[in-house]
Each structure stands twice: as C-alpha cells, then as structure tokens.
Amino acid sequence: MSGEFFNTMRKAIGIDGLISSIIGALILFLPNLSAKVAAGMIGATLVVIGLFKLWTFFQLKSEGAMARLGNLLVAIIYMVAGIFIFVDMQSAAISLILVVGILTGMTWVIEGFVQLTILNQLANNKFWATLAAFVSILGGLSLLFSPVLGGLIVWTFFGVTLLVIGIVKLIQFATLKNS
C-alpha cells in the first residue's frame, strides 16, 4: 500500500471518528438540542427543495398548465412545511422523535413477521429464528404503543452507538501505523 493512500485512509478514519464522536455526544448529552438541529436541517432542506421547485416552475414555460400548476403547488407545500418546522422547533423535534419511534416500530414488526414466515422456513434451528421473530415483533409493538418514549430510547441509543464508533475510530486513527 502506498504511503499516500495510507495517509488518506488514516485521515478519513480520523475525520469519521471525530464527526461520529461529536454527533454522538451531542445526541447523548443534548438530545433536545440535537433533535432541534436535525429538525432544522430537515426544515432547511424542505425550504431549499421548495425554492428549487419554484424556480423550475418559472423555467417550465413550454410545459402544460397542469404540470406547471402541480409544480407550483408542490413548491408551496415544501416551503410551508419547512417554515412550519422553523416556527416551532420544539414541536418539530418531538415530531421527529415520534416519527423515529413509529418507523422503527413498524420496521421491527414487519421484520418479525418476515422472519416468522420466510426465514423460519430456511433455518435449521427453528427455536432461535422464532424467538428472534417474536422479540422483534414485541419490540416493534412496544415502540408503536409508546412511540415518543421509544423514539427517545432509539435516539439515545443512536447517540451512544455513534459515540462508541467515533471513539473506536479515533483510537484506530491514533494507533494506525504504516507497515
């Protein structure tokens, strides 16, 4: 391996570790602020997408009236949604946590049923496949019945995971030597 490639990879690991550690620590130690920042990033993205769609509305002079009208309506919806996020960042952060809880719960329930129906047929030891499926379904249902609390737990776990991964990568960066 060339020295230049090694140094580039080592720097990438260090930067990844630093960013992961910072984001993980922010999520873990400042969950409300980090959720607000994430919601703000989503809001800014929606406004930018809306502005881009509005710009294309004025550029589509050769398109039909319905296509232009549809583009204008979508642009307005994107911009209004983004602005609503900025109007009440606390509610947007709670909504983000709620969505994280609901989507994670739905994913776990679906994964559990898929495992029960498909993967269980392929497994040699049906006990562990069935147990894993039921744990996934129960975990998903618990998130669906309490999505805010579940979302906060998932958000916190995400922060812990990012922090641990970041620290491990920083240690790897510090101890990596070119052989």
N, C-alpha and C. Protein backbone atom coordinates (compact mmCIF):
# COMPACT_ATOMS: atom_id res chain seq x y z
N MET A 1 0.85 -1.17 0.00
CA MET A 1 0.00 0.00 0.00
C MET A 1 0.90 1.23 0.00
N SER A 2 0.57 2.18 -0.86
CA SER A 2 1.39 3.38 -0.96
C SER A 2 1.19 4.25 0.28
N GLY A 3 2.21 5.03 0.58
CA GLY A 3 2.15 5.92 1.74
C GLY A 3 1.06 6.97 1.60
N GLU A 4 0.87 7.47 0.39
CA GLU A 4 -0.16 8.50 0.17
C GLU A 4 -1.56 7.92 0.41
N PHE A 5 -1.81 6.71 -0.10
CA PHE A 5 -3.11 6.06 0.11
C PHE A 5 -3.33 5.79 1.59
N PHE A 6 -2.30 5.31 2.27
CA PHE A 6 -2.40 5.02 3.70
C PHE A 6 -2.74 6.28 4.49
N ASN A 7 -2.03 7.38 4.19
CA ASN A 7 -2.28 8.64 4.91
C ASN A 7 -3.70 9.16 4.64
N THR A 8 -4.16 9.03 3.40
CA THR A 8 -5.52 9.45 3.06
C THR A 8 -6.54 8.63 3.83
N MET A 9 -6.35 7.33 3.89
CA MET A 9 -7.27 6.45 4.61
C MET A 9 -7.23 6.74 6.11
N ARG A 10 -6.04 6.96 6.63
CA ARG A 10 -5.89 7.27 8.06
C ARG A 10 -6.60 8.57 8.41
N LYS A 11 -6.45 9.60 7.56
CA LYS A 11 -7.14 10.87 7.79
C LYS A 11 -8.66 10.68 7.73
N ALA A 12 -9.12 9.88 6.77
CA ALA A 12 -10.56 9.64 6.63
C ALA A 12 -11.11 8.96 7.89
N ILE A 13 -10.37 8.00 8.43
CA ILE A 13 -10.79 7.32 9.67
C ILE A 13 -10.83 8.32 10.82
N GLY A 14 -9.82 9.19 10.89
CA GLY A 14 -9.77 10.18 11.95
C GLY A 14 -10.92 11.18 11.87
N ILE A 15 -11.19 11.67 10.67
CA ILE A 15 -12.29 12.62 10.48
C ILE A 15 -13.63 11.95 10.78
N ASP A 16 -13.81 10.72 10.30
CA ASP A 16 -15.03 9.96 10.58
C ASP A 16 -15.20 9.77 12.08
N GLY A 17 -14.12 9.41 12.75
CA GLY A 17 -14.18 9.22 14.21
C GLY A 17 -14.52 10.49 14.95
N LEU A 18 -13.94 11.60 14.52
CA LEU A 18 -14.20 12.89 15.16
C LEU A 18 -15.65 13.32 14.96
N ILE A 19 -16.14 13.25 13.72
CA ILE A 19 -17.53 13.64 13.44
C ILE A 19 -18.51 12.73 14.17
N SER A 20 -18.27 11.42 14.13
CA SER A 20 -19.16 10.48 14.82
C SER A 20 -19.17 10.74 16.32
N SER A 21 -18.00 11.02 16.89
CA SER A 21 -17.92 11.30 18.33
C SER A 21 -18.68 12.57 18.70
N ILE A 22 -18.51 13.61 17.91
CA ILE A 22 -19.18 14.88 18.19
C ILE A 22 -20.69 14.73 18.08
N ILE A 23 -21.16 14.14 16.98
CA ILE A 23 -22.61 13.98 16.79
C ILE A 23 -23.18 13.04 17.86
N GLY A 24 -22.49 11.96 18.14
CA GLY A 24 -22.94 11.03 19.18
C GLY A 24 -23.03 11.69 20.54
N ALA A 25 -22.02 12.49 20.89
CA ALA A 25 -22.03 13.19 22.18
C ALA A 25 -23.15 14.22 22.24
N LEU A 26 -23.38 14.93 21.14
CA LEU A 26 -24.48 15.90 21.12
C LEU A 26 -25.82 15.22 21.30
N ILE A 27 -26.02 14.09 20.60
CA ILE A 27 -27.29 13.36 20.73
C ILE A 27 -27.45 12.82 22.15
N LEU A 28 -26.36 12.30 22.71
CA LEU A 28 -26.43 11.67 24.02
C LEU A 28 -26.59 12.70 25.15
N PHE A 29 -25.82 13.79 25.10
CA PHE A 29 -25.81 14.73 26.20
C PHE A 29 -26.74 15.93 26.00
N LEU A 30 -27.12 16.20 24.76
CA LEU A 30 -28.05 17.29 24.45
C LEU A 30 -29.12 16.77 23.48
N PRO A 31 -29.93 15.80 23.92
CA PRO A 31 -30.88 15.18 22.98
C PRO A 31 -31.91 16.17 22.42
N ASN A 32 -32.38 17.10 23.24
CA ASN A 32 -33.37 18.06 22.77
C ASN A 32 -32.78 18.98 21.72
N LEU A 33 -31.60 19.52 22.01
CA LEU A 33 -30.93 20.42 21.07
C LEU A 33 -30.59 19.69 19.77
N SER A 34 -30.06 18.47 19.89
CA SER A 34 -29.68 17.73 18.68
C SER A 34 -30.90 17.39 17.84
N ALA A 35 -32.03 17.08 18.48
CA ALA A 35 -33.26 16.81 17.73
C ALA A 35 -33.74 18.09 17.04
N LYS A 36 -33.60 19.23 17.73
CA LYS A 36 -33.97 20.51 17.11
C LYS A 36 -33.08 20.81 15.91
N VAL A 37 -31.78 20.54 16.05
CA VAL A 37 -30.86 20.78 14.94
C VAL A 37 -31.21 19.87 13.76
N ALA A 38 -31.50 18.59 14.05
CA ALA A 38 -31.89 17.67 12.98
C ALA A 38 -33.18 18.13 12.32
N ALA A 39 -34.15 18.56 13.12
CA ALA A 39 -35.40 19.07 12.56
C ALA A 39 -35.14 20.33 11.74
N GLY A 40 -34.25 21.19 12.22
CA GLY A 40 -33.90 22.40 11.47
C GLY A 40 -33.25 22.07 10.14
N MET A 41 -32.41 21.05 10.13
CA MET A 41 -31.79 20.63 8.87
C MET A 41 -32.85 20.12 7.90
N ILE A 42 -33.82 19.39 8.42
CA ILE A 42 -34.91 18.91 7.57
C ILE A 42 -35.73 20.10 7.07
N GLY A 43 -36.02 21.06 7.95
CA GLY A 43 -36.76 22.26 7.56
C GLY A 43 -36.04 23.05 6.48
N ALA A 44 -34.74 23.23 6.66
CA ALA A 44 -33.95 23.95 5.66
C ALA A 44 -33.95 23.22 4.32
N THR A 45 -33.85 21.90 4.38
CA THR A 45 -33.89 21.11 3.16
C THR A 45 -35.22 21.27 2.45
N LEU A 46 -36.31 21.25 3.21
CA LEU A 46 -37.64 21.42 2.60
C LEU A 46 -37.78 22.79 1.94
N VAL A 47 -37.28 23.83 2.59
CA VAL A 47 -37.36 25.17 2.01
C VAL A 47 -36.53 25.24 0.73
N VAL A 48 -35.34 24.69 0.76
CA VAL A 48 -34.48 24.71 -0.44
C VAL A 48 -35.13 23.93 -1.58
N ILE A 49 -35.69 22.77 -1.28
CA ILE A 49 -36.37 21.99 -2.32
C ILE A 49 -37.55 22.79 -2.87
N GLY A 50 -38.31 23.44 -1.98
CA GLY A 50 -39.43 24.27 -2.42
C GLY A 50 -38.98 25.41 -3.32
N LEU A 51 -37.89 26.06 -2.95
CA LEU A 51 -37.37 27.15 -3.78
C LEU A 51 -36.90 26.63 -5.14
N PHE A 52 -36.26 25.46 -5.15
CA PHE A 52 -35.83 24.87 -6.42
C PHE A 52 -37.05 24.54 -7.29
N LYS A 53 -38.08 23.97 -6.68
CA LYS A 53 -39.30 23.66 -7.43
C LYS A 53 -39.96 24.94 -7.94
N LEU A 54 -39.94 25.99 -7.14
CA LEU A 54 -40.50 27.28 -7.56
C LEU A 54 -39.70 27.82 -8.74
N TRP A 55 -38.38 27.70 -8.67
CA TRP A 55 -37.52 28.15 -9.77
C TRP A 55 -37.85 27.37 -11.04
N THR A 56 -38.04 26.04 -10.91
CA THR A 56 -38.36 25.24 -12.11
C THR A 56 -39.75 25.58 -12.64
N PHE A 57 -40.66 26.04 -11.75
CA PHE A 57 -41.98 26.48 -12.21
C PHE A 57 -41.82 27.60 -13.24
N PHE A 58 -40.93 28.52 -12.96
CA PHE A 58 -40.73 29.64 -13.88
C PHE A 58 -39.92 29.23 -15.11
N GLN A 59 -39.20 28.12 -15.03
CA GLN A 59 -38.40 27.66 -16.16
C GLN A 59 -39.20 26.76 -17.11
N LEU A 60 -40.33 26.23 -16.69
CA LEU A 60 -41.11 25.28 -17.48
C LEU A 60 -42.16 25.99 -18.34
N LYS A 61 -41.77 26.98 -19.06
CA LYS A 61 -42.72 27.74 -19.86
C LYS A 61 -43.33 26.91 -20.98
N SER A 62 -42.60 25.92 -21.46
CA SER A 62 -43.11 25.11 -22.57
C SER A 62 -44.03 23.98 -22.10
N GLU A 63 -44.07 23.72 -20.79
CA GLU A 63 -44.91 22.64 -20.26
C GLU A 63 -46.37 23.09 -20.20
N GLY A 64 -47.24 22.13 -20.03
CA GLY A 64 -48.66 22.42 -19.94
C GLY A 64 -49.01 23.10 -18.63
N ALA A 65 -50.19 23.66 -18.58
CA ALA A 65 -50.64 24.40 -17.40
C ALA A 65 -50.74 23.50 -16.18
N MET A 66 -51.19 22.26 -16.34
CA MET A 66 -51.33 21.34 -15.20
C MET A 66 -49.97 20.97 -14.60
N ALA A 67 -48.99 20.75 -15.47
CA ALA A 67 -47.64 20.42 -14.99
C ALA A 67 -47.05 21.59 -14.22
N ARG A 68 -47.24 22.79 -14.73
CA ARG A 68 -46.72 23.98 -14.06
C ARG A 68 -47.47 24.22 -12.74
N LEU A 69 -48.78 24.06 -12.76
CA LEU A 69 -49.58 24.25 -11.56
C LEU A 69 -49.19 23.22 -10.48
N GLY A 70 -49.04 21.97 -10.90
CA GLY A 70 -48.61 20.93 -9.96
C GLY A 70 -47.26 21.25 -9.35
N ASN A 71 -46.33 21.72 -10.17
CA ASN A 71 -45.00 22.08 -9.68
C ASN A 71 -45.09 23.25 -8.70
N LEU A 72 -45.95 24.23 -8.99
CA LEU A 72 -46.12 25.37 -8.11
C LEU A 72 -46.71 24.93 -6.77
N LEU A 73 -47.73 24.08 -6.79
CA LEU A 73 -48.34 23.59 -5.56
C LEU A 73 -47.35 22.81 -4.70
N VAL A 74 -46.57 21.94 -5.34
CA VAL A 74 -45.57 21.17 -4.61
C VAL A 74 -44.52 22.10 -4.00
N ALA A 75 -44.11 23.13 -4.73
CA ALA A 75 -43.14 24.10 -4.21
C ALA A 75 -43.69 24.80 -2.97
N ILE A 76 -44.94 25.20 -3.03
CA ILE A 76 -45.56 25.89 -1.89
C ILE A 76 -45.65 24.95 -0.69
N ILE A 77 -46.05 23.72 -0.92
CA ILE A 77 -46.17 22.75 0.18
C ILE A 77 -44.82 22.52 0.83
N TYR A 78 -43.77 22.33 0.04
CA TYR A 78 -42.43 22.14 0.60
C TYR A 78 -42.01 23.35 1.44
N MET A 79 -42.20 24.54 0.90
CA MET A 79 -41.76 25.73 1.62
C MET A 79 -42.58 25.95 2.90
N VAL A 80 -43.88 25.74 2.84
CA VAL A 80 -44.72 25.90 4.03
C VAL A 80 -44.32 24.88 5.10
N ALA A 81 -44.08 23.63 4.69
CA ALA A 81 -43.67 22.60 5.66
C ALA A 81 -42.34 22.98 6.31
N GLY A 82 -41.40 23.46 5.51
CA GLY A 82 -40.12 23.88 6.06
C GLY A 82 -40.25 25.05 7.01
N ILE A 83 -41.09 26.01 6.65
CA ILE A 83 -41.30 27.18 7.51
C ILE A 83 -41.98 26.78 8.82
N PHE A 84 -42.96 25.86 8.76
CA PHE A 84 -43.61 25.39 9.98
C PHE A 84 -42.61 24.76 10.94
N ILE A 85 -41.62 24.07 10.41
CA ILE A 85 -40.60 23.49 11.27
C ILE A 85 -39.86 24.59 12.02
N PHE A 86 -39.53 25.68 11.33
CA PHE A 86 -38.80 26.77 11.97
C PHE A 86 -39.66 27.57 12.93
N VAL A 87 -40.96 27.60 12.72
CA VAL A 87 -41.86 28.35 13.59
C VAL A 87 -41.88 27.74 15.00
N ASP A 88 -41.90 26.42 15.08
CA ASP A 88 -41.94 25.75 16.38
C ASP A 88 -40.95 24.58 16.38
N MET A 89 -39.71 24.90 16.67
CA MET A 89 -38.65 23.88 16.63
C MET A 89 -38.86 22.79 17.67
N GLN A 90 -39.42 23.13 18.84
CA GLN A 90 -39.65 22.14 19.88
C GLN A 90 -40.65 21.08 19.41
N SER A 91 -41.75 21.52 18.82
CA SER A 91 -42.73 20.56 18.30
C SER A 91 -42.14 19.76 17.15
N ALA A 92 -41.34 20.40 16.33
CA ALA A 92 -40.70 19.69 15.21
C ALA A 92 -39.75 18.61 15.74
N ALA A 93 -39.03 18.92 16.81
CA ALA A 93 -38.11 17.94 17.39
C ALA A 93 -38.88 16.76 17.96
N ILE A 94 -39.98 17.05 18.67
CA ILE A 94 -40.80 15.97 19.23
C ILE A 94 -41.41 15.14 18.10
N SER A 95 -41.85 15.81 17.04
CA SER A 95 -42.40 15.10 15.89
C SER A 95 -41.36 14.20 15.25
N LEU A 96 -40.12 14.69 15.18
CA LEU A 96 -39.03 13.88 14.62
C LEU A 96 -38.81 12.63 15.47
N ILE A 97 -38.78 12.79 16.78
CA ILE A 97 -38.62 11.64 17.69
C ILE A 97 -39.80 10.69 17.52
N LEU A 98 -41.01 11.24 17.38
CA LEU A 98 -42.20 10.42 17.17
C LEU A 98 -42.10 9.61 15.88
N VAL A 99 -41.66 10.25 14.82
CA VAL A 99 -41.50 9.55 13.54
C VAL A 99 -40.44 8.46 13.66
N VAL A 100 -39.34 8.76 14.34
CA VAL A 100 -38.30 7.74 14.54
C VAL A 100 -38.88 6.54 15.28
N GLY A 101 -39.66 6.78 16.32
CA GLY A 101 -40.27 5.69 17.08
C GLY A 101 -41.24 4.88 16.25
N ILE A 102 -42.11 5.55 15.51
CA ILE A 102 -43.12 4.85 14.70
C ILE A 102 -42.46 4.05 13.58
N LEU A 103 -41.54 4.67 12.85
CA LEU A 103 -40.91 3.96 11.73
C LEU A 103 -40.06 2.78 12.20
N THR A 104 -39.36 2.96 13.32
CA THR A 104 -38.57 1.85 13.86
C THR A 104 -39.50 0.74 14.31
N GLY A 105 -40.59 1.07 14.98
CA GLY A 105 -41.55 0.07 15.42
C GLY A 105 -42.14 -0.69 14.26
N MET A 106 -42.56 0.03 13.22
CA MET A 106 -43.12 -0.63 12.04
C MET A 106 -42.09 -1.56 11.39
N THR A 107 -40.86 -1.09 11.30
CA THR A 107 -39.81 -1.90 10.70
C THR A 107 -39.59 -3.18 11.48
N TRP A 108 -39.54 -3.09 12.81
CA TRP A 108 -39.32 -4.28 13.63
C TRP A 108 -40.48 -5.26 13.54
N VAL A 109 -41.72 -4.75 13.51
CA VAL A 109 -42.89 -5.64 13.39
C VAL A 109 -42.85 -6.36 12.04
N ILE A 110 -42.60 -5.63 10.97
CA ILE A 110 -42.55 -6.24 9.64
C ILE A 110 -41.41 -7.25 9.58
N GLU A 111 -40.25 -6.87 10.11
CA GLU A 111 -39.11 -7.79 10.12
C GLU A 111 -39.45 -9.07 10.88
N GLY A 112 -40.14 -8.95 12.00
CA GLY A 112 -40.53 -10.12 12.78
C GLY A 112 -41.45 -11.05 12.00
N PHE A 113 -42.44 -10.47 11.32
CA PHE A 113 -43.35 -11.31 10.53
C PHE A 113 -42.66 -11.93 9.33
N VAL A 114 -41.75 -11.20 8.72
CA VAL A 114 -40.97 -11.77 7.61
C VAL A 114 -40.14 -12.93 8.12
N GLN A 115 -39.53 -12.75 9.27
CA GLN A 115 -38.73 -13.83 9.83
C GLN A 115 -39.60 -15.03 10.19
N LEU A 116 -40.78 -14.80 10.72
CA LEU A 116 -41.68 -15.90 11.05
C LEU A 116 -42.11 -16.67 9.81
N THR A 117 -42.40 -15.97 8.74
CA THR A 117 -42.96 -16.62 7.56
C THR A 117 -41.92 -17.16 6.60
N ILE A 118 -40.84 -16.42 6.39
CA ILE A 118 -39.87 -16.82 5.36
C ILE A 118 -38.61 -17.41 5.96
N LEU A 119 -37.94 -16.63 6.81
CA LEU A 119 -36.65 -17.06 7.31
C LEU A 119 -36.77 -18.28 8.21
N ASN A 120 -37.88 -18.40 8.92
CA ASN A 120 -38.08 -19.55 9.80
C ASN A 120 -38.11 -20.85 9.01
N GLN A 121 -38.60 -20.80 7.78
CA GLN A 121 -38.63 -21.99 6.93
C GLN A 121 -37.23 -22.41 6.50
N LEU A 122 -36.33 -21.44 6.41
CA LEU A 122 -34.97 -21.72 5.95
C LEU A 122 -34.02 -22.11 7.08
N ALA A 123 -34.39 -21.79 8.32
CA ALA A 123 -33.50 -22.02 9.45
C ALA A 123 -33.47 -23.49 9.83
N ASN A 124 -32.27 -23.95 10.22
CA ASN A 124 -32.13 -25.32 10.72
C ASN A 124 -32.69 -25.42 12.13
N ASN A 125 -32.41 -24.42 12.94
CA ASN A 125 -32.90 -24.41 14.32
C ASN A 125 -34.04 -23.40 14.40
N LYS A 126 -35.24 -23.89 14.36
CA LYS A 126 -36.43 -23.03 14.31
C LYS A 126 -36.67 -22.27 15.62
N PHE A 127 -36.16 -22.78 16.72
CA PHE A 127 -36.38 -22.12 18.01
C PHE A 127 -35.80 -20.71 17.99
N TRP A 128 -34.53 -20.56 17.58
CA TRP A 128 -33.89 -19.25 17.62
C TRP A 128 -34.48 -18.30 16.60
N ALA A 129 -34.85 -18.81 15.44
CA ALA A 129 -35.48 -17.95 14.43
C ALA A 129 -36.84 -17.46 14.92
N THR A 130 -37.60 -18.35 15.55
CA THR A 130 -38.91 -17.98 16.07
C THR A 130 -38.77 -17.01 17.24
N LEU A 131 -37.83 -17.26 18.13
CA LEU A 131 -37.59 -16.37 19.26
C LEU A 131 -37.20 -14.98 18.77
N ALA A 132 -36.29 -14.91 17.81
CA ALA A 132 -35.86 -13.62 17.27
C ALA A 132 -37.04 -12.89 16.62
N ALA A 133 -37.89 -13.62 15.95
CA ALA A 133 -39.06 -13.01 15.31
C ALA A 133 -40.01 -12.44 16.36
N PHE A 134 -40.28 -13.19 17.41
CA PHE A 134 -41.19 -12.71 18.46
C PHE A 134 -40.60 -11.52 19.21
N VAL A 135 -39.29 -11.54 19.46
CA VAL A 135 -38.65 -10.40 20.12
C VAL A 135 -38.77 -9.16 19.24
N SER A 136 -38.56 -9.32 17.94
CA SER A 136 -38.67 -8.20 17.02
C SER A 136 -40.11 -7.67 16.98
N ILE A 137 -41.08 -8.56 16.93
CA ILE A 137 -42.48 -8.13 16.90
C ILE A 137 -42.86 -7.43 18.21
N LEU A 138 -42.47 -8.00 19.35
CA LEU A 138 -42.80 -7.38 20.64
C LEU A 138 -42.11 -6.02 20.80
N GLY A 139 -40.85 -5.95 20.38
CA GLY A 139 -40.14 -4.67 20.44
C GLY A 139 -40.79 -3.63 19.54
N GLY A 140 -41.18 -4.04 18.34
CA GLY A 140 -41.85 -3.13 17.42
C GLY A 140 -43.19 -2.65 17.95
N LEU A 141 -43.97 -3.58 18.53
CA LEU A 141 -45.26 -3.19 19.09
C LEU A 141 -45.09 -2.25 20.27
N SER A 142 -44.07 -2.48 21.09
CA SER A 142 -43.84 -1.58 22.22
C SER A 142 -43.49 -0.17 21.73
N LEU A 143 -42.76 -0.08 20.62
CA LEU A 143 -42.47 1.24 20.05
C LEU A 143 -43.72 1.88 19.47
N LEU A 144 -44.58 1.07 18.85
CA LEU A 144 -45.79 1.63 18.26
C LEU A 144 -46.80 2.09 19.31
N PHE A 145 -46.81 1.41 20.47
CA PHE A 145 -47.75 1.81 21.53
C PHE A 145 -47.21 2.98 22.36
N SER A 146 -45.93 3.22 22.32
CA SER A 146 -45.33 4.36 23.01
C SER A 146 -44.22 4.95 22.13
N PRO A 147 -44.62 5.57 21.01
CA PRO A 147 -43.61 6.00 20.04
C PRO A 147 -42.69 7.12 20.52
N VAL A 148 -43.17 8.02 21.36
CA VAL A 148 -42.29 9.11 21.81
C VAL A 148 -41.22 8.56 22.75
N LEU A 149 -41.62 7.77 23.74
CA LEU A 149 -40.64 7.17 24.65
C LEU A 149 -39.71 6.24 23.87
N GLY A 150 -40.29 5.42 23.01
CA GLY A 150 -39.47 4.53 22.19
C GLY A 150 -38.53 5.29 21.27
N GLY A 151 -39.04 6.38 20.69
CA GLY A 151 -38.20 7.20 19.82
C GLY A 151 -37.05 7.83 20.58
N LEU A 152 -37.31 8.27 21.83
CA LEU A 152 -36.24 8.83 22.67
C LEU A 152 -35.19 7.77 22.99
N ILE A 153 -35.65 6.55 23.25
CA ILE A 153 -34.71 5.46 23.53
C ILE A 153 -33.88 5.16 22.29
N VAL A 154 -34.54 5.08 21.13
CA VAL A 154 -33.81 4.82 19.88
C VAL A 154 -32.85 5.97 19.59
N TRP A 155 -33.29 7.22 19.80
CA TRP A 155 -32.45 8.40 19.58
C TRP A 155 -31.21 8.36 20.49
N THR A 156 -31.43 8.00 21.77
CA THR A 156 -30.32 7.89 22.73
C THR A 156 -29.38 6.76 22.34
N PHE A 157 -29.96 5.63 21.95
CA PHE A 157 -29.13 4.50 21.52
C PHE A 157 -28.30 4.88 20.30
N PHE A 158 -28.90 5.64 19.38
CA PHE A 158 -28.18 6.12 18.20
C PHE A 158 -27.00 6.99 18.62
N GLY A 159 -27.22 7.86 19.61
CA GLY A 159 -26.14 8.70 20.11
C GLY A 159 -25.03 7.90 20.74
N VAL A 160 -25.39 6.91 21.57
CA VAL A 160 -24.39 6.04 22.22
C VAL A 160 -23.59 5.30 21.15
N THR A 161 -24.30 4.75 20.16
CA THR A 161 -23.63 4.00 19.10
C THR A 161 -22.65 4.88 18.34
N LEU A 162 -23.09 6.07 17.95
CA LEU A 162 -22.19 6.98 17.23
C LEU A 162 -20.98 7.36 18.08
N LEU A 163 -21.21 7.61 19.36
CA LEU A 163 -20.10 7.98 20.24
C LEU A 163 -19.10 6.84 20.37
N VAL A 164 -19.58 5.63 20.57
CA VAL A 164 -18.68 4.48 20.70
C VAL A 164 -17.92 4.23 19.40
N ILE A 165 -18.63 4.27 18.29
CA ILE A 165 -17.96 4.08 16.99
C ILE A 165 -16.92 5.17 16.77
N GLY A 166 -17.27 6.41 17.10
CA GLY A 166 -16.33 7.51 16.94
C GLY A 166 -15.09 7.35 17.79
N ILE A 167 -15.26 6.95 19.05
CA ILE A 167 -14.11 6.75 19.93
C ILE A 167 -13.22 5.63 19.41
N VAL A 168 -13.83 4.54 18.98
CA VAL A 168 -13.06 3.41 18.44
C VAL A 168 -12.28 3.85 17.21
N LYS A 169 -12.89 4.63 16.34
CA LYS A 169 -12.20 5.11 15.14
C LYS A 169 -11.08 6.09 15.49
N LEU A 170 -11.30 6.91 16.51
CA LEU A 170 -10.23 7.82 16.94
C LEU A 170 -9.04 7.04 17.51
N ILE A 171 -9.34 5.98 18.26
CA ILE A 171 -8.26 5.13 18.77
C ILE A 171 -7.54 4.45 17.61
N GLN A 172 -8.33 3.97 16.64
CA GLN A 172 -7.73 3.35 15.44
C GLN A 172 -6.85 4.36 14.72
N PHE A 173 -7.33 5.59 14.56
CA PHE A 173 -6.56 6.64 13.91
C PHE A 173 -5.25 6.89 14.64
N ALA A 174 -5.31 6.94 15.98
CA ALA A 174 -4.10 7.24 16.76
C ALA A 174 -3.11 6.10 16.74
N THR A 175 -3.58 4.86 16.62
CA THR A 175 -2.67 3.72 16.69
C THR A 175 -2.31 3.13 15.33
N LEU A 176 -2.89 3.65 14.27
CA LEU A 176 -2.62 3.11 12.93
C LEU A 176 -1.23 3.52 12.47
N LYS A 177 -0.46 2.54 12.10
CA LYS A 177 0.92 2.77 11.61
C LYS A 177 1.05 2.17 10.22
N ASN A 178 1.80 2.86 9.36
CA ASN A 178 2.07 2.35 8.01
C ASN A 178 3.14 1.28 8.09
N SER A 179 2.82 0.10 7.57
CA SER A 179 3.79 -1.00 7.65
C SER A 179 4.62 -1.13 6.41
